[in-house]
N, C-alpha and C. Protein backbone atom coordinates (compact mmCIF):
# COMPACT_ATOMS: atom_id res chain seq x y z
N GLN A 1 -34.36 -20.89 46.60
CA GLN A 1 -35.20 -20.01 45.80
C GLN A 1 -34.64 -19.91 44.39
N VAL A 2 -35.49 -20.12 43.41
CA VAL A 2 -35.06 -20.07 42.02
C VAL A 2 -34.86 -18.62 41.60
N GLN A 3 -33.74 -18.36 40.95
CA GLN A 3 -33.47 -17.03 40.41
C GLN A 3 -33.23 -17.13 38.92
N LEU A 4 -33.76 -16.16 38.19
CA LEU A 4 -33.68 -16.15 36.74
C LEU A 4 -33.20 -14.79 36.28
N VAL A 5 -32.21 -14.77 35.40
CA VAL A 5 -31.67 -13.52 34.87
C VAL A 5 -31.64 -13.60 33.35
N GLU A 6 -32.42 -12.74 32.71
CA GLU A 6 -32.48 -12.71 31.25
C GLU A 6 -31.45 -11.74 30.68
N SER A 7 -31.05 -12.01 29.44
CA SER A 7 -30.16 -11.11 28.73
C SER A 7 -30.35 -11.33 27.23
N GLY A 8 -29.83 -10.38 26.44
CA GLY A 8 -29.86 -10.55 25.00
C GLY A 8 -30.85 -9.68 24.25
N GLY A 9 -31.65 -8.92 24.98
CA GLY A 9 -32.61 -8.05 24.31
C GLY A 9 -31.93 -6.84 23.69
N GLY A 10 -32.73 -6.04 22.98
CA GLY A 10 -32.19 -4.84 22.37
C GLY A 10 -33.04 -4.40 21.20
N LEU A 11 -32.46 -3.51 20.40
CA LEU A 11 -33.14 -2.99 19.21
C LEU A 11 -32.70 -3.81 18.00
N VAL A 12 -33.68 -4.30 17.27
CA VAL A 12 -33.42 -5.13 16.10
C VAL A 12 -34.25 -4.61 14.93
N GLN A 13 -33.69 -4.66 13.74
CA GLN A 13 -34.43 -4.24 12.56
C GLN A 13 -35.38 -5.35 12.11
N PRO A 14 -36.50 -4.99 11.51
CA PRO A 14 -37.40 -6.01 10.96
C PRO A 14 -36.64 -6.96 10.03
N GLY A 15 -36.94 -8.24 10.18
CA GLY A 15 -36.24 -9.25 9.42
C GLY A 15 -34.99 -9.77 10.09
N GLY A 16 -34.60 -9.13 11.17
CA GLY A 16 -33.39 -9.53 11.88
C GLY A 16 -33.62 -10.68 12.84
N SER A 17 -32.56 -11.03 13.56
CA SER A 17 -32.60 -12.14 14.51
C SER A 17 -32.02 -11.71 15.84
N LEU A 18 -32.36 -12.47 16.86
CA LEU A 18 -31.73 -12.28 18.15
C LEU A 18 -31.77 -13.57 18.93
N ARG A 19 -30.94 -13.63 19.95
CA ARG A 19 -30.89 -14.80 20.83
C ARG A 19 -30.98 -14.32 22.26
N LEU A 20 -32.01 -14.74 22.94
CA LEU A 20 -32.18 -14.41 24.34
C LEU A 20 -31.62 -15.53 25.21
N SER A 21 -31.09 -15.15 26.35
CA SER A 21 -30.56 -16.13 27.29
C SER A 21 -31.18 -15.91 28.66
N CYS A 22 -31.30 -17.01 29.39
CA CYS A 22 -31.81 -16.94 30.76
C CYS A 22 -30.94 -17.83 31.63
N ALA A 23 -30.26 -17.23 32.59
CA ALA A 23 -29.43 -17.98 33.53
C ALA A 23 -30.25 -18.29 34.76
N ALA A 24 -30.36 -19.58 35.09
CA ALA A 24 -31.15 -20.02 36.22
C ALA A 24 -30.27 -20.56 37.34
N SER A 25 -30.72 -20.40 38.56
CA SER A 25 -29.99 -20.93 39.71
C SER A 25 -30.97 -21.19 40.85
N GLY A 26 -30.47 -21.93 41.84
CA GLY A 26 -31.28 -22.15 43.04
C GLY A 26 -32.09 -23.42 43.04
N PHE A 27 -31.78 -24.37 42.16
CA PHE A 27 -32.48 -25.65 42.17
C PHE A 27 -31.53 -26.74 41.71
N THR A 28 -31.88 -27.99 42.10
CA THR A 28 -31.03 -29.12 41.73
C THR A 28 -31.80 -30.25 41.08
N PHE A 29 -33.11 -30.14 41.03
CA PHE A 29 -33.95 -31.20 40.50
C PHE A 29 -34.21 -30.99 39.00
N SER A 30 -34.85 -31.98 38.36
CA SER A 30 -35.11 -31.89 36.91
C SER A 30 -36.60 -31.87 36.57
N ASN A 31 -37.45 -31.91 37.58
CA ASN A 31 -38.89 -31.89 37.31
C ASN A 31 -39.38 -30.45 37.21
N TYR A 32 -39.10 -29.85 36.06
CA TYR A 32 -39.51 -28.47 35.87
C TYR A 32 -39.77 -28.20 34.41
N GLU A 33 -40.39 -27.10 34.19
CA GLU A 33 -40.61 -26.59 32.84
C GLU A 33 -40.10 -25.15 32.81
N MET A 34 -39.41 -24.80 31.77
CA MET A 34 -38.96 -23.41 31.60
C MET A 34 -39.55 -22.87 30.31
N GLY A 35 -39.76 -21.57 30.30
CA GLY A 35 -40.36 -21.00 29.11
C GLY A 35 -40.07 -19.52 28.96
N TRP A 36 -40.32 -19.04 27.78
CA TRP A 36 -40.23 -17.62 27.46
C TRP A 36 -41.65 -17.08 27.28
N TYR A 37 -41.93 -16.01 27.96
CA TYR A 37 -43.19 -15.30 27.82
C TYR A 37 -42.87 -13.87 27.42
N ARG A 38 -43.85 -13.21 26.82
CA ARG A 38 -43.62 -11.82 26.47
C ARG A 38 -44.83 -10.96 26.81
N GLN A 39 -44.54 -9.72 27.11
CA GLN A 39 -45.56 -8.75 27.49
C GLN A 39 -45.44 -7.58 26.52
N PRO A 40 -46.33 -7.50 25.54
CA PRO A 40 -46.27 -6.41 24.56
C PRO A 40 -46.56 -5.06 25.21
N PRO A 41 -46.19 -3.99 24.56
CA PRO A 41 -46.47 -2.64 25.08
C PRO A 41 -47.95 -2.45 25.33
N GLY A 42 -48.27 -1.84 26.47
CA GLY A 42 -49.66 -1.56 26.79
C GLY A 42 -50.41 -2.71 27.43
N LYS A 43 -49.78 -3.87 27.51
CA LYS A 43 -50.42 -5.04 28.13
C LYS A 43 -50.00 -5.16 29.59
N ASP A 44 -50.90 -5.74 30.38
CA ASP A 44 -50.60 -5.95 31.79
C ASP A 44 -49.85 -7.26 32.01
N ARG A 45 -49.34 -7.39 33.22
CA ARG A 45 -48.63 -8.62 33.60
C ARG A 45 -49.48 -9.86 33.36
N GLU A 46 -50.77 -9.74 33.64
CA GLU A 46 -51.67 -10.89 33.49
C GLU A 46 -51.87 -11.27 32.02
N GLU A 47 -51.45 -10.37 31.11
CA GLU A 47 -51.63 -10.63 29.68
C GLU A 47 -50.35 -11.11 29.01
N ARG A 48 -49.39 -11.50 29.81
CA ARG A 48 -48.19 -12.09 29.23
C ARG A 48 -48.57 -13.33 28.43
N GLU A 49 -47.92 -13.49 27.29
CA GLU A 49 -48.26 -14.61 26.42
C GLU A 49 -47.07 -15.54 26.26
N LEU A 50 -47.38 -16.81 26.21
CA LEU A 50 -46.34 -17.80 26.03
C LEU A 50 -45.72 -17.67 24.64
N VAL A 51 -44.41 -17.72 24.59
CA VAL A 51 -43.68 -17.74 23.32
C VAL A 51 -43.20 -19.16 23.02
N ALA A 52 -42.50 -19.74 24.00
CA ALA A 52 -41.99 -21.10 23.82
C ALA A 52 -41.68 -21.69 25.18
N SER A 53 -41.77 -23.01 25.28
CA SER A 53 -41.49 -23.68 26.54
C SER A 53 -40.74 -24.98 26.28
N ILE A 54 -40.08 -25.48 27.33
CA ILE A 54 -39.32 -26.72 27.21
C ILE A 54 -39.29 -27.41 28.56
N MET A 55 -39.38 -28.73 28.54
CA MET A 55 -39.37 -29.51 29.77
C MET A 55 -37.94 -29.81 30.19
N GLY A 56 -37.68 -29.69 31.49
CA GLY A 56 -36.35 -29.99 32.00
C GLY A 56 -36.01 -31.46 31.87
N ARG A 57 -37.00 -32.32 31.96
CA ARG A 57 -36.80 -33.76 31.78
C ARG A 57 -37.48 -34.17 30.49
N GLY A 58 -36.71 -34.63 29.56
CA GLY A 58 -37.27 -35.07 28.29
C GLY A 58 -37.10 -34.09 27.16
N GLY A 59 -37.07 -32.80 27.48
CA GLY A 59 -36.81 -31.79 26.47
C GLY A 59 -37.95 -31.49 25.53
N GLY A 60 -39.17 -31.92 25.86
CA GLY A 60 -40.30 -31.60 24.99
C GLY A 60 -40.52 -30.11 24.89
N THR A 61 -40.84 -29.62 23.70
CA THR A 61 -40.99 -28.19 23.48
C THR A 61 -42.38 -27.84 22.99
N GLY A 62 -42.72 -26.56 23.15
CA GLY A 62 -43.98 -26.03 22.64
C GLY A 62 -43.77 -24.61 22.21
N TYR A 63 -44.49 -24.19 21.17
CA TYR A 63 -44.34 -22.84 20.63
C TYR A 63 -45.70 -22.20 20.38
N ALA A 64 -45.72 -20.89 20.54
CA ALA A 64 -46.91 -20.14 20.13
C ALA A 64 -46.98 -20.16 18.61
N ASP A 65 -48.19 -20.14 18.08
CA ASP A 65 -48.35 -20.15 16.62
C ASP A 65 -47.65 -18.95 15.97
N SER A 66 -47.61 -17.84 16.68
CA SER A 66 -47.05 -16.62 16.11
C SER A 66 -45.53 -16.70 15.89
N VAL A 67 -44.86 -17.64 16.56
CA VAL A 67 -43.40 -17.74 16.42
C VAL A 67 -42.97 -19.09 15.86
N LYS A 68 -43.91 -20.00 15.70
CA LYS A 68 -43.59 -21.34 15.24
C LYS A 68 -42.95 -21.29 13.86
N GLY A 69 -41.87 -22.01 13.69
CA GLY A 69 -41.19 -22.05 12.41
C GLY A 69 -40.08 -21.03 12.26
N ARG A 70 -40.03 -20.06 13.15
CA ARG A 70 -38.97 -19.06 13.07
C ARG A 70 -38.28 -18.86 14.43
N SER A 71 -38.61 -19.74 15.37
CA SER A 71 -38.01 -19.63 16.70
C SER A 71 -37.60 -21.02 17.19
N THR A 72 -36.56 -21.03 18.00
CA THR A 72 -36.09 -22.28 18.59
C THR A 72 -35.74 -22.05 20.05
N VAL A 73 -36.29 -22.89 20.91
CA VAL A 73 -35.96 -22.81 22.34
C VAL A 73 -35.04 -23.97 22.68
N ASN A 74 -34.01 -23.66 23.46
CA ASN A 74 -33.03 -24.67 23.87
C ASN A 74 -32.76 -24.55 25.36
N LEU A 75 -32.45 -25.69 25.95
CA LEU A 75 -32.13 -25.72 27.38
C LEU A 75 -30.85 -26.49 27.59
N ASP A 76 -29.90 -25.84 28.21
CA ASP A 76 -28.65 -26.50 28.60
C ASP A 76 -28.79 -26.85 30.07
N THR A 77 -29.12 -28.10 30.35
CA THR A 77 -29.41 -28.50 31.73
C THR A 77 -28.16 -28.46 32.60
N ALA A 78 -27.00 -28.68 32.01
CA ALA A 78 -25.77 -28.64 32.80
C ALA A 78 -25.48 -27.22 33.26
N LYS A 79 -25.68 -26.26 32.37
CA LYS A 79 -25.43 -24.86 32.71
C LYS A 79 -26.66 -24.19 33.33
N LYS A 80 -27.79 -24.88 33.33
CA LYS A 80 -29.05 -24.30 33.79
C LYS A 80 -29.32 -23.00 33.04
N ALA A 81 -29.24 -23.09 31.73
CA ALA A 81 -29.42 -21.92 30.89
C ALA A 81 -30.46 -22.21 29.83
N LEU A 82 -31.36 -21.25 29.65
CA LEU A 82 -32.43 -21.34 28.67
C LEU A 82 -32.15 -20.33 27.58
N TYR A 83 -32.41 -20.72 26.34
CA TYR A 83 -32.15 -19.84 25.21
C TYR A 83 -33.38 -19.75 24.30
N LEU A 84 -33.49 -18.63 23.62
CA LEU A 84 -34.52 -18.48 22.60
C LEU A 84 -33.91 -17.80 21.39
N GLN A 85 -33.86 -18.50 20.29
CA GLN A 85 -33.40 -17.94 19.03
C GLN A 85 -34.62 -17.54 18.22
N MET A 86 -34.71 -16.29 17.85
CA MET A 86 -35.84 -15.80 17.06
C MET A 86 -35.33 -15.18 15.77
N ASN A 87 -35.92 -15.58 14.66
CA ASN A 87 -35.52 -15.09 13.35
C ASN A 87 -36.69 -14.37 12.68
N ASN A 88 -36.36 -13.64 11.63
CA ASN A 88 -37.38 -12.94 10.85
C ASN A 88 -38.31 -12.13 11.75
N LEU A 89 -37.71 -11.32 12.58
CA LEU A 89 -38.48 -10.56 13.55
C LEU A 89 -39.33 -9.49 12.86
N THR A 90 -40.49 -9.22 13.46
CA THR A 90 -41.39 -8.18 12.99
C THR A 90 -41.70 -7.22 14.14
N PRO A 91 -42.24 -6.05 13.85
CA PRO A 91 -42.59 -5.13 14.94
C PRO A 91 -43.54 -5.75 15.96
N GLU A 92 -44.32 -6.74 15.53
CA GLU A 92 -45.25 -7.41 16.47
C GLU A 92 -44.52 -8.23 17.52
N ASP A 93 -43.25 -8.46 17.33
CA ASP A 93 -42.45 -9.17 18.32
C ASP A 93 -41.93 -8.24 19.41
N THR A 94 -42.16 -6.95 19.27
CA THR A 94 -41.73 -5.99 20.28
C THR A 94 -42.44 -6.27 21.60
N ALA A 95 -41.66 -6.45 22.65
CA ALA A 95 -42.23 -6.79 23.96
C ALA A 95 -41.10 -6.89 24.98
N ILE A 96 -41.50 -7.01 26.23
CA ILE A 96 -40.55 -7.42 27.26
C ILE A 96 -40.64 -8.94 27.33
N TYR A 97 -39.50 -9.59 27.22
CA TYR A 97 -39.46 -11.05 27.24
C TYR A 97 -39.02 -11.52 28.62
N TYR A 98 -39.82 -12.43 29.17
CA TYR A 98 -39.57 -12.94 30.51
C TYR A 98 -39.26 -14.44 30.47
N CYS A 99 -38.37 -14.81 31.31
CA CYS A 99 -38.06 -16.22 31.54
C CYS A 99 -38.90 -16.71 32.71
N ARG A 100 -39.50 -17.87 32.55
CA ARG A 100 -40.33 -18.43 33.61
C ARG A 100 -39.89 -19.85 33.93
N PHE A 101 -39.90 -20.16 35.22
CA PHE A 101 -39.55 -21.49 35.72
C PHE A 101 -40.74 -22.01 36.51
N LYS A 102 -41.15 -23.25 36.24
CA LYS A 102 -42.25 -23.84 36.99
C LYS A 102 -41.91 -25.27 37.36
N THR A 103 -42.07 -25.58 38.63
CA THR A 103 -41.86 -26.96 39.05
C THR A 103 -43.07 -27.78 38.62
N THR A 104 -42.85 -28.94 38.09
CA THR A 104 -43.96 -29.74 37.60
C THR A 104 -44.64 -30.53 38.71
N THR A 105 -44.04 -30.58 39.89
CA THR A 105 -44.65 -31.30 41.01
C THR A 105 -45.51 -30.37 41.86
N THR A 106 -44.97 -29.24 42.27
CA THR A 106 -45.70 -28.32 43.14
C THR A 106 -46.29 -27.13 42.39
N GLN A 107 -45.99 -27.00 41.11
CA GLN A 107 -46.52 -25.90 40.27
C GLN A 107 -46.09 -24.52 40.76
N VAL A 108 -44.98 -24.44 41.47
CA VAL A 108 -44.48 -23.14 41.91
C VAL A 108 -43.82 -22.44 40.73
N VAL A 109 -44.13 -21.17 40.55
CA VAL A 109 -43.65 -20.41 39.40
C VAL A 109 -42.71 -19.30 39.85
N SER A 110 -41.63 -19.14 39.10
CA SER A 110 -40.70 -18.04 39.32
C SER A 110 -40.50 -17.29 38.01
N TRP A 111 -40.33 -15.99 38.12
CA TRP A 111 -40.14 -15.14 36.93
C TRP A 111 -38.82 -14.38 37.03
N GLY A 112 -38.23 -14.14 35.87
CA GLY A 112 -37.12 -13.22 35.81
C GLY A 112 -37.64 -11.80 35.71
N ARG A 113 -36.71 -10.84 35.58
CA ARG A 113 -37.13 -9.43 35.53
C ARG A 113 -37.41 -8.98 34.10
N GLY A 114 -37.04 -9.78 33.14
CA GLY A 114 -37.35 -9.46 31.76
C GLY A 114 -36.24 -8.75 31.02
N THR A 115 -36.30 -8.87 29.69
CA THR A 115 -35.37 -8.15 28.82
C THR A 115 -36.17 -7.56 27.67
N GLN A 116 -35.92 -6.30 27.36
CA GLN A 116 -36.71 -5.57 26.37
C GLN A 116 -36.22 -5.89 24.95
N VAL A 117 -37.18 -6.17 24.09
CA VAL A 117 -36.89 -6.37 22.66
C VAL A 117 -37.74 -5.37 21.88
N VAL A 118 -37.08 -4.59 21.06
CA VAL A 118 -37.77 -3.63 20.19
C VAL A 118 -37.39 -3.93 18.75
N VAL A 119 -38.39 -4.17 17.94
CA VAL A 119 -38.16 -4.43 16.51
C VAL A 119 -38.66 -3.22 15.74
N SER A 120 -37.73 -2.49 15.19
CA SER A 120 -38.07 -1.24 14.51
C SER A 120 -36.97 -0.86 13.55
N SER A 121 -37.37 -0.17 12.47
CA SER A 121 -36.37 0.33 11.53
C SER A 121 -36.01 1.77 11.85
């Protein structure tokens, strides 16, 4: 069973930066995709939005338009760790950030419990 543990959230001032981490365990294969999703205040689980994703094999990445150019997603396959560096944060980035793991063969999805990010002065 895949387990995901996020860390790195907190209170950040507008214009600041943060780095989120996700420690993954419970798998040995490379056919997967990992990503960061966020759930803004007042939104339901079904309204989580993709922030950035990366393929376990090949390392191809994708970003939401709202974070493109100011965010970088990285995957350390040896450590099974996913990272998200976000810069120039705005209050619109306030959300609970979740780590997601999806197998590309069976499409099974696993979620972490999330880490809260608040951007406020």
